[in-house]
Protein backbone atom coordinates (compact mmCIF):
# COMPACT_ATOMS: atom_id res chain seq x y z
CA UNK A 1 1.27 -1.39 2.31
CA UNK A 2 2.30 1.96 -0.09
CA UNK A 3 5.03 3.21 1.27
CA UNK A 4 7.91 0.39 2.60
CA UNK A 5 10.56 1.59 6.19
CA UNK A 6 13.44 1.22 3.10
CA UNK A 7 11.40 2.84 -0.05
CA UNK A 8 13.57 4.55 -1.71
CA UNK A 9 10.93 7.38 -3.19
CA UNK A 10 12.59 9.64 -6.17
CA UNK A 11 10.65 11.25 -9.04
CA UNK A 12 7.30 12.13 -9.10
CA UNK A 13 5.13 13.54 -12.29
CA UNK A 14 2.02 14.55 -12.18
CA UNK A 15 -1.15 14.37 -14.37
CA UNK A 16 -2.82 16.18 -14.38
CA UNK A 17 -5.69 14.74 -16.69
CA UNK A 18 -6.40 12.34 -14.27
CA UNK A 19 -5.88 14.53 -11.22
CA UNK A 20 -3.18 11.28 -9.98
CA UNK A 21 0.55 12.14 -9.06
CA UNK A 22 3.33 9.05 -10.15
CA UNK A 23 6.03 7.89 -7.72
CA UNK A 24 8.73 6.18 -7.89
CA UNK A 25 10.58 3.56 -5.25
CA UNK A 26 13.90 3.38 -6.89
CA UNK A 27 15.11 0.49 -3.57
CA UNK A 28 12.88 -2.67 -5.18
CA UNK A 29 11.25 -1.20 -8.14
CA UNK A 30 7.90 -0.30 -7.81
CA UNK A 31 5.87 2.93 -9.27
CA UNK A 32 3.19 4.54 -6.30
CA UNK A 33 0.17 6.09 -7.76
CA UNK A 34 -2.01 8.92 -5.92
CA UNK A 35 -5.21 9.72 -6.34
CA UNK A 36 -5.02 13.47 -5.67
CA UNK A 37 -8.43 13.69 -5.10
CA UNK A 38 -8.39 11.60 -1.99
CA UNK A 39 -5.24 10.94 -1.18
CA UNK A 40 -5.45 7.06 -1.36
CA UNK A 41 -2.56 5.64 -3.52
CA UNK A 42 -2.37 2.53 -4.81
CA UNK A 43 1.91 0.51 -5.33
CA UNK A 44 1.93 -0.99 -8.77
CA UNK A 45 5.14 -2.94 -10.50
CA UNK A 46 6.51 -3.64 -7.44
CA UNK A 47 9.08 -5.82 -8.18
CA UNK A 48 8.56 -6.10 -11.87
CA UNK A 49 11.07 -6.13 -14.78
CA UNK A 50 9.98 -2.70 -15.81
CA UNK A 51 11.02 -0.87 -12.54
CA UNK A 52 14.36 -2.95 -12.28
CA UNK A 53 17.59 -0.59 -13.57
CA UNK A 54 19.66 -2.52 -16.50
CA UNK A 55 22.46 -4.27 -14.81
CA UNK A 56 25.75 -2.47 -17.49
CA UNK A 57 28.43 -1.57 -15.84
CA UNK A 58 29.27 1.86 -16.07
CA UNK A 59 33.15 2.15 -17.97
CA UNK A 60 35.06 5.70 -17.65
CA UNK A 61 37.88 5.83 -20.06
CA UNK A 62 37.36 2.91 -20.76
CA UNK A 63 37.59 1.57 -17.09
CA UNK A 64 34.69 0.02 -15.43
CA UNK A 65 33.69 2.78 -13.04
CA UNK A 66 32.30 0.25 -9.55
CA UNK A 67 31.11 1.89 -5.90
CA UNK A 68 33.31 -0.07 -3.27
């Protein structure tokens, strides 16, 4: 399955030379590649370290900022 019920699709880039679209799934960390000629998509790099956010704590005015 290319897109799951928990997918959070947020960013799209188009490669006109390859006629492909690249869409990020920011929820679990994955990249979706869509062939723009056929509309077929495939999911790659799911749960790969390259698609994970860094576990750094953001600081604002020297104080850690965390969501509640």
